[in-house]
Amino acid sequence: MKARVFVTLKPAVLDPQGKAIQTALNGLGFDEALSVRQGKVIDLELAGDDAAAAEKSVGAMCEKLLANTIIEDYRIEIL
């Protein structure tokens, strides 16, 4: 079984990398990029075939290691 985790900064947290990306895009002529927020994607291959158990396990992984839940949100997709 596979899982994908999307980790992003919470909306209230400043995103200097996102701002740098937006500035670079605007400098390249992409003026429609009004705001950019960046994050990370983590792909996991998991043992077992129980989707509910996998989601629970990946949630625990996020809480303990994969996301800094003070400043980051995460979303899990079981594939």
PDB file of N, CA and C in Angstrom:
ATOM      1  N   MET A   1       0.847  -1.169   0.000  1.00  0.00           N
ATOM      2  CA  MET A   1       0.000   0.000   0.000  1.00  0.00           C
ATOM      3  C   MET A   1       0.897   1.237   0.000  1.00  0.00           C
ATOM      4  N   LYS A   2       0.400   2.284  -0.638  1.00  0.00           N
ATOM      5  CA  LYS A   2       1.174   3.519  -0.708  1.00  0.00           C
ATOM      6  C   LYS A   2       0.376   4.660  -0.096  1.00  0.00           C
ATOM      7  N   ALA A   3       1.108   5.615   0.450  1.00  0.00           N
ATOM      8  CA  ALA A   3       0.495   6.814   1.007  1.00  0.00           C
ATOM      9  C   ALA A   3       1.301   8.022   0.547  1.00  0.00           C
ATOM     10  N   ARG A   4       0.598   9.120   0.393  1.00  0.00           N
ATOM     11  CA  ARG A   4       1.251  10.388   0.048  1.00  0.00           C
ATOM     12  C   ARG A   4       0.825  11.402   1.095  1.00  0.00           C
ATOM     13  N   VAL A   5       1.807  12.121   1.629  1.00  0.00           N
ATOM     14  CA  VAL A   5       1.554  13.134   2.652  1.00  0.00           C
ATOM     15  C   VAL A   5       1.940  14.494   2.078  1.00  0.00           C
ATOM     16  N   PHE A   6       1.015  15.445   2.173  1.00  0.00           N
ATOM     17  CA  PHE A   6       1.269  16.826   1.762  1.00  0.00           C
ATOM     18  C   PHE A   6       1.428  17.646   3.031  1.00  0.00           C
ATOM     19  N   VAL A   7       2.579  18.302   3.178  1.00  0.00           N
ATOM     20  CA  VAL A   7       2.856  19.111   4.354  1.00  0.00           C
ATOM     21  C   VAL A   7       3.002  20.565   3.902  1.00  0.00           C
ATOM     22  N   THR A   8       2.219  21.454   4.524  1.00  0.00           N
ATOM     23  CA  THR A   8       2.269  22.876   4.182  1.00  0.00           C
ATOM     24  C   THR A   8       2.295  23.702   5.456  1.00  0.00           C
ATOM     25  N   LEU A   9       2.817  24.899   5.328  1.00  0.00           N
ATOM     26  CA  LEU A   9       2.797  25.815   6.464  1.00  0.00           C
ATOM     27  C   LEU A   9       1.365  26.242   6.743  1.00  0.00           C
ATOM     28  N   LYS A  10       1.043  26.440   8.006  1.00  0.00           N
ATOM     29  CA  LYS A  10      -0.271  26.936   8.368  1.00  0.00           C
ATOM     30  C   LYS A  10      -0.440  28.340   7.785  1.00  0.00           C
ATOM     31  N   PRO A  11      -1.672  28.726   7.463  1.00  0.00           N
ATOM     32  CA  PRO A  11      -1.898  30.022   6.809  1.00  0.00           C
ATOM     33  C   PRO A  11      -1.332  31.232   7.565  1.00  0.00           C
ATOM     34  N   ALA A  12      -1.312  31.184   8.876  1.00  0.00           N
ATOM     35  CA  ALA A  12      -0.831  32.322   9.664  1.00  0.00           C
ATOM     36  C   ALA A  12       0.695  32.411   9.726  1.00  0.00           C
ATOM     37  N   VAL A  13       1.400  31.384   9.244  1.00  0.00           N
ATOM     38  CA  VAL A  13       2.861  31.349   9.316  1.00  0.00           C
ATOM     39  C   VAL A  13       3.443  31.972   8.053  1.00  0.00           C
ATOM     40  N   LEU A  14       4.380  32.897   8.234  1.00  0.00           N
ATOM     41  CA  LEU A  14       5.044  33.513   7.090  1.00  0.00           C
ATOM     42  C   LEU A  14       5.803  32.459   6.294  1.00  0.00           C
ATOM     43  N   ASP A  15       5.828  32.621   4.964  1.00  0.00           N
ATOM     44  CA  ASP A  15       6.475  31.658   4.076  1.00  0.00           C
ATOM     45  C   ASP A  15       7.512  32.384   3.214  1.00  0.00           C
ATOM     46  N   PRO A  16       8.729  32.602   3.742  1.00  0.00           N
ATOM     47  CA  PRO A  16       9.733  33.334   2.972  1.00  0.00           C
ATOM     48  C   PRO A  16      10.141  32.629   1.679  1.00  0.00           C
ATOM     49  N   GLN A  17      10.144  31.296   1.663  1.00  0.00           N
ATOM     50  CA  GLN A  17      10.472  30.585   0.420  1.00  0.00           C
ATOM     51  C   GLN A  17       9.383  30.799  -0.620  1.00  0.00           C
ATOM     52  N   GLY A  18       8.141  30.766  -0.195  1.00  0.00           N
ATOM     53  CA  GLY A  18       7.035  31.035  -1.106  1.00  0.00           C
ATOM     54  C   GLY A  18       7.128  32.440  -1.680  1.00  0.00           C
ATOM     55  N   LYS A  19       7.469  33.411  -0.838  1.00  0.00           N
ATOM     56  CA  LYS A  19       7.622  34.796  -1.296  1.00  0.00           C
ATOM     57  C   LYS A  19       8.766  34.900  -2.303  1.00  0.00           C
ATOM     58  N   ALA A  20       9.878  34.193  -2.057  1.00  0.00           N
ATOM     59  CA  ALA A  20      11.007  34.207  -2.995  1.00  0.00           C
ATOM     60  C   ALA A  20      10.609  33.597  -4.338  1.00  0.00           C
ATOM     61  N   ILE A  21       9.817  32.530  -4.300  1.00  0.00           N
ATOM     62  CA  ILE A  21       9.345  31.907  -5.538  1.00  0.00           C
ATOM     63  C   ILE A  21       8.441  32.869  -6.294  1.00  0.00           C
ATOM     64  N   GLN A  22       7.537  33.534  -5.572  1.00  0.00           N
ATOM     65  CA  GLN A  22       6.644  34.493  -6.209  1.00  0.00           C
ATOM     66  C   GLN A  22       7.439  35.624  -6.863  1.00  0.00           C
ATOM     67  N   THR A  23       8.433  36.147  -6.165  1.00  0.00           N
ATOM     68  CA  THR A  23       9.263  37.219  -6.706  1.00  0.00           C
ATOM     69  C   THR A  23       9.978  36.753  -7.965  1.00  0.00           C
ATOM     70  N   ALA A  24      10.508  35.540  -7.948  1.00  0.00           N
ATOM     71  CA  ALA A  24      11.207  35.008  -9.121  1.00  0.00           C
ATOM     72  C   ALA A  24      10.239  34.816 -10.292  1.00  0.00           C
ATOM     73  N   LEU A  25       9.050  34.286 -10.009  1.00  0.00           N
ATOM     74  CA  LEU A  25       8.058  34.112 -11.073  1.00  0.00           C
ATOM     75  C   LEU A  25       7.663  35.451 -11.684  1.00  0.00           C
ATOM     76  N   ASN A  26       7.428  36.447 -10.814  1.00  0.00           N
ATOM     77  CA  ASN A  26       7.084  37.772 -11.317  1.00  0.00           C
ATOM     78  C   ASN A  26       8.219  38.348 -12.151  1.00  0.00           C
ATOM     79  N   GLY A  27       9.465  38.125 -11.722  1.00  0.00           N
ATOM     80  CA  GLY A  27      10.626  38.592 -12.475  1.00  0.00           C
ATOM     81  C   GLY A  27      10.758  37.935 -13.841  1.00  0.00           C
ATOM     82  N   LEU A  28      10.204  36.723 -13.969  1.00  0.00           N
ATOM     83  CA  LEU A  28      10.218  36.012 -15.248  1.00  0.00           C
ATOM     84  C   LEU A  28       9.009  36.350 -16.116  1.00  0.00           C
ATOM     85  N   GLY A  29       8.199  37.294 -15.637  1.00  0.00           N
ATOM     86  CA  GLY A  29       7.055  37.735 -16.424  1.00  0.00           C
ATOM     87  C   GLY A  29       5.740  37.073 -16.072  1.00  0.00           C
ATOM     88  N   PHE A  30       5.710  36.236 -15.056  1.00  0.00           N
ATOM     89  CA  PHE A  30       4.473  35.573 -14.635  1.00  0.00           C
ATOM     90  C   PHE A  30       3.774  36.432 -13.580  1.00  0.00           C
ATOM     91  N   ASP A  31       3.255  37.568 -14.023  1.00  0.00           N
ATOM     92  CA  ASP A  31       2.647  38.529 -13.106  1.00  0.00           C
ATOM     93  C   ASP A  31       1.347  38.016 -12.486  1.00  0.00           C
ATOM     94  N   GLU A  32       0.779  36.965 -13.053  1.00  0.00           N
ATOM     95  CA  GLU A  32      -0.455  36.410 -12.494  1.00  0.00           C
ATOM     96  C   GLU A  32      -0.212  35.663 -11.183  1.00  0.00           C
ATOM     97  N   ALA A  33       1.050  35.378 -10.843  1.00  0.00           N
ATOM     98  CA  ALA A  33       1.388  34.711  -9.578  1.00  0.00           C
ATOM     99  C   ALA A  33       1.353  35.758  -8.463  1.00  0.00           C
ATOM    100  N   LEU A  34       0.186  35.916  -7.849  1.00  0.00           N
ATOM    101  CA  LEU A  34       0.007  36.944  -6.825  1.00  0.00           C
ATOM    102  C   LEU A  34       0.493  36.508  -5.451  1.00  0.00           C
ATOM    103  N   SER A  35       0.456  35.205  -5.196  1.00  0.00           N
ATOM    104  CA  SER A  35       0.878  34.676  -3.908  1.00  0.00           C
ATOM    105  C   SER A  35       1.316  33.234  -4.111  1.00  0.00           C
ATOM    106  N   VAL A  36       2.376  32.838  -3.425  1.00  0.00           N
ATOM    107  CA  VAL A  36       2.880  31.467  -3.528  1.00  0.00           C
ATOM    108  C   VAL A  36       3.135  30.943  -2.119  1.00  0.00           C
ATOM    109  N   ARG A  37       2.677  29.741  -1.848  1.00  0.00           N
ATOM    110  CA  ARG A  37       2.981  29.024  -0.609  1.00  0.00           C
ATOM    111  C   ARG A  37       3.628  27.718  -1.041  1.00  0.00           C
ATOM    112  N   GLN A  38       4.724  27.359  -0.437  1.00  0.00           N
ATOM    113  CA  GLN A  38       5.415  26.124  -0.805  1.00  0.00           C
ATOM    114  C   GLN A  38       5.292  25.117   0.320  1.00  0.00           C
ATOM    115  N   GLY A  39       5.500  23.862  -0.031  1.00  0.00           N
ATOM    116  CA  GLY A  39       5.417  22.795   0.955  1.00  0.00           C
ATOM    117  C   GLY A  39       6.241  21.606   0.508  1.00  0.00           C
ATOM    118  N   LYS A  40       5.909  20.439   1.036  1.00  0.00           N
ATOM    119  CA  LYS A  40       6.638  19.237   0.650  1.00  0.00           C
ATOM    120  C   LYS A  40       5.667  18.075   0.500  1.00  0.00           C
ATOM    121  N   VAL A  41       6.071  17.112  -0.306  1.00  0.00           N
ATOM    122  CA  VAL A  41       5.303  15.895  -0.528  1.00  0.00           C
ATOM    123  C   VAL A  41       6.177  14.718  -0.110  1.00  0.00           C
ATOM    124  N   ILE A  42       5.610  13.811   0.662  1.00  0.00           N
ATOM    125  CA  ILE A  42       6.330  12.633   1.130  1.00  0.00           C
ATOM    126  C   ILE A  42       5.558  11.408   0.665  1.00  0.00           C
ATOM    127  N   ASP A  43       6.209  10.541  -0.109  1.00  0.00           N
ATOM    128  CA  ASP A  43       5.605   9.289  -0.564  1.00  0.00           C
ATOM    129  C   ASP A  43       6.119   8.141   0.296  1.00  0.00           C
ATOM    130  N   LEU A  44       5.198   7.320   0.768  1.00  0.00           N
ATOM    131  CA  LEU A  44       5.541   6.187   1.629  1.00  0.00           C
ATOM    132  C   LEU A  44       5.004   4.900   1.014  1.00  0.00           C
ATOM    133  N   GLU A  45       5.779   3.851   1.099  1.00  0.00           N
ATOM    134  CA  GLU A  45       5.293   2.520   0.754  1.00  0.00           C
ATOM    135  C   GLU A  45       5.141   1.771   2.066  1.00  0.00           C
ATOM    136  N   LEU A  46       3.958   1.212   2.282  1.00  0.00           N
ATOM    137  CA  LEU A  46       3.615   0.617   3.568  1.00  0.00           C
ATOM    138  C   LEU A  46       3.287  -0.860   3.435  1.00  0.00           C
ATOM    139  N   ALA A  47       3.576  -1.611   4.481  1.00  0.00           N
ATOM    140  CA  ALA A  47       3.175  -3.021   4.539  1.00  0.00           C
ATOM    141  C   ALA A  47       1.690  -3.086   4.875  1.00  0.00           C
ATOM    142  N   GLY A  48       1.031  -4.139   4.432  1.00  0.00           N
ATOM    143  CA  GLY A  48      -0.369  -4.362   4.761  1.00  0.00           C
ATOM    144  C   GLY A  48      -1.296  -3.853   3.680  1.00  0.00           C
ATOM    145  N   ASP A  49      -2.603  -4.136   3.878  1.00  0.00           N
ATOM    146  CA  ASP A  49      -3.591  -3.742   2.881  1.00  0.00           C
ATOM    147  C   ASP A  49      -4.848  -3.133   3.501  1.00  0.00           C
ATOM    148  N   ASP A  50      -4.766  -2.719   4.749  1.00  0.00           N
ATOM    149  CA  ASP A  50      -5.891  -2.092   5.444  1.00  0.00           C
ATOM    150  C   ASP A  50      -5.730  -0.572   5.352  1.00  0.00           C
ATOM    151  N   ALA A  51      -6.552   0.073   4.522  1.00  0.00           N
ATOM    152  CA  ALA A  51      -6.422   1.508   4.280  1.00  0.00           C
ATOM    153  C   ALA A  51      -6.639   2.327   5.555  1.00  0.00           C
ATOM    154  N   ALA A  52      -7.604   1.946   6.370  1.00  0.00           N
ATOM    155  CA  ALA A  52      -7.881   2.690   7.603  1.00  0.00           C
ATOM    156  C   ALA A  52      -6.703   2.600   8.570  1.00  0.00           C
ATOM    157  N   ALA A  53      -6.126   1.414   8.700  1.00  0.00           N
ATOM    158  CA  ALA A  53      -4.959   1.244   9.574  1.00  0.00           C
ATOM    159  C   ALA A  53      -3.765   2.015   9.024  1.00  0.00           C
ATOM    160  N   ALA A  54      -3.610   2.008   7.705  1.00  0.00           N
ATOM    161  CA  ALA A  54      -2.506   2.738   7.086  1.00  0.00           C
ATOM    162  C   ALA A  54      -2.648   4.227   7.347  1.00  0.00           C
ATOM    163  N   GLU A  55      -3.857   4.764   7.188  1.00  0.00           N
ATOM    164  CA  GLU A  55      -4.058   6.195   7.418  1.00  0.00           C
ATOM    165  C   GLU A  55      -3.779   6.562   8.873  1.00  0.00           C
ATOM    166  N   LYS A  56      -4.203   5.702   9.785  1.00  0.00           N
ATOM    167  CA  LYS A  56      -3.940   5.950  11.205  1.00  0.00           C
ATOM    168  C   LYS A  56      -2.436   5.924  11.491  1.00  0.00           C
ATOM    169  N   SER A  57      -1.728   4.958  10.922  1.00  0.00           N
ATOM    170  CA  SER A  57      -0.289   4.838  11.122  1.00  0.00           C
ATOM    171  C   SER A  57       0.453   6.044  10.536  1.00  0.00           C
ATOM    172  N   VAL A  58       0.076   6.440   9.331  1.00  0.00           N
ATOM    173  CA  VAL A  58       0.730   7.585   8.690  1.00  0.00           C
ATOM    174  C   VAL A  58       0.422   8.863   9.471  1.00  0.00           C
ATOM    175  N   GLY A  59      -0.786   8.976  10.005  1.00  0.00           N
ATOM    176  CA  GLY A  59      -1.116  10.122  10.854  1.00  0.00           C
ATOM    177  C   GLY A  59      -0.195  10.204  12.066  1.00  0.00           C
ATOM    178  N   ALA A  60       0.084   9.054  12.676  1.00  0.00           N
ATOM    179  CA  ALA A  60       1.012   9.026  13.817  1.00  0.00           C
ATOM    180  C   ALA A  60       2.421   9.415  13.380  1.00  0.00           C
ATOM    181  N   MET A  61       2.821   8.966  12.188  1.00  0.00           N
ATOM    182  CA  MET A  61       4.141   9.341  11.660  1.00  0.00           C
ATOM    183  C   MET A  61       4.230  10.855  11.480  1.00  0.00           C
ATOM    184  N   CYS A  62       3.153  11.446  10.971  1.00  0.00           N
ATOM    185  CA  CYS A  62       3.133  12.897  10.768  1.00  0.00           C
ATOM    186  C   CYS A  62       3.225  13.635  12.093  1.00  0.00           C
ATOM    187  N   GLU A  63       2.461  13.176  13.071  1.00  0.00           N
ATOM    188  CA  GLU A  63       2.449  13.831  14.385  1.00  0.00           C
ATOM    189  C   GLU A  63       3.803  13.743  15.083  1.00  0.00           C
ATOM    190  N   LYS A  64       4.521  12.640  14.863  1.00  0.00           N
ATOM    191  CA  LYS A  64       5.781  12.426  15.571  1.00  0.00           C
ATOM    192  C   LYS A  64       7.019  12.896  14.817  1.00  0.00           C
ATOM    193  N   LEU A  65       6.973  12.911  13.466  1.00  0.00           N
ATOM    194  CA  LEU A  65       8.193  13.199  12.723  1.00  0.00           C
ATOM    195  C   LEU A  65       7.999  14.006  11.444  1.00  0.00           C
ATOM    196  N   LEU A  66       7.042  13.633  10.626  1.00  0.00           N
ATOM    197  CA  LEU A  66       6.987  14.173   9.269  1.00  0.00           C
ATOM    198  C   LEU A  66       6.531  15.621   9.183  1.00  0.00           C
ATOM    199  N   ALA A  67       5.756  16.086  10.146  1.00  0.00           N
ATOM    200  CA  ALA A  67       5.277  17.468  10.143  1.00  0.00           C
ATOM    201  C   ALA A  67       5.533  18.108  11.505  1.00  0.00           C
ATOM    202  N   ASN A  68       5.874  19.374  11.469  1.00  0.00           N
ATOM    203  CA  ASN A  68       5.971  20.160  12.697  1.00  0.00           C
ATOM    204  C   ASN A  68       4.587  20.762  12.910  1.00  0.00           C
ATOM    205  N   THR A  69       3.760  20.083  13.695  1.00  0.00           N
ATOM    206  CA  THR A  69       2.344  20.449  13.788  1.00  0.00           C
ATOM    207  C   THR A  69       2.098  21.793  14.468  1.00  0.00           C
ATOM    208  N   ILE A  70       3.117  22.399  15.009  1.00  0.00           N
ATOM    209  CA  ILE A  70       2.961  23.743  15.567  1.00  0.00           C
ATOM    210  C   ILE A  70       2.816  24.757  14.436  1.00  0.00           C
ATOM    211  N   ILE A  71       3.578  24.574  13.358  1.00  0.00           N
ATOM    212  CA  ILE A  71       3.549  25.537  12.257  1.00  0.00           C
ATOM    213  C   ILE A  71       3.094  24.939  10.923  1.00  0.00           C
ATOM    214  N   GLU A  72       2.887  23.613  10.878  1.00  0.00           N
ATOM    215  CA  GLU A  72       2.538  22.966   9.621  1.00  0.00           C
ATOM    216  C   GLU A  72       1.233  22.164   9.733  1.00  0.00           C
ATOM    217  N   ASP A  73       0.514  22.122   8.619  1.00  0.00           N
ATOM    218  CA  ASP A  73      -0.644  21.242   8.460  1.00  0.00           C
ATOM    219  C   ASP A  73      -0.205  20.089   7.554  1.00  0.00           C
ATOM    220  N   TYR A  74      -0.943  18.986   7.626  1.00  0.00           N
ATOM    221  CA  TYR A  74      -0.658  17.888   6.708  1.00  0.00           C
ATOM    222  C   TYR A  74      -1.963  17.266   6.247  1.00  0.00           C
ATOM    223  N   ARG A  75      -1.882  16.645   5.074  1.00  0.00           N
ATOM    224  CA  ARG A  75      -3.009  15.936   4.492  1.00  0.00           C
ATOM    225  C   ARG A  75      -2.491  14.603   3.967  1.00  0.00           C
ATOM    226  N   ILE A  76      -3.226  13.542   4.225  1.00  0.00           N
ATOM    227  CA  ILE A  76      -2.799  12.190   3.852  1.00  0.00           C
ATOM    228  C   ILE A  76      -3.702  11.668   2.743  1.00  0.00           C
ATOM    229  N   GLU A  77      -3.091  11.065   1.715  1.00  0.00           N
ATOM    230  CA  GLU A  77      -3.824  10.329   0.701  1.00  0.00           C
ATOM    231  C   GLU A  77      -3.327   8.890   0.714  1.00  0.00           C
ATOM    232  N   ILE A  78      -4.236   7.952   0.820  1.00  0.00           N
ATOM    233  CA  ILE A  78      -3.879   6.546   0.702  1.00  0.00           C
ATOM    234  C   ILE A  78      -4.100   6.176  -0.754  1.00  0.00           C
ATOM    235  N   LEU A  79      -3.062   5.679  -1.400  1.00  0.00           N
ATOM    236  CA  LEU A  79      -3.117   5.402  -2.842  1.00  0.00           C
ATOM    237  C   LEU A  79      -3.323   3.929  -3.115  1.00  0.00           C
TER     238      LEU A  79
END
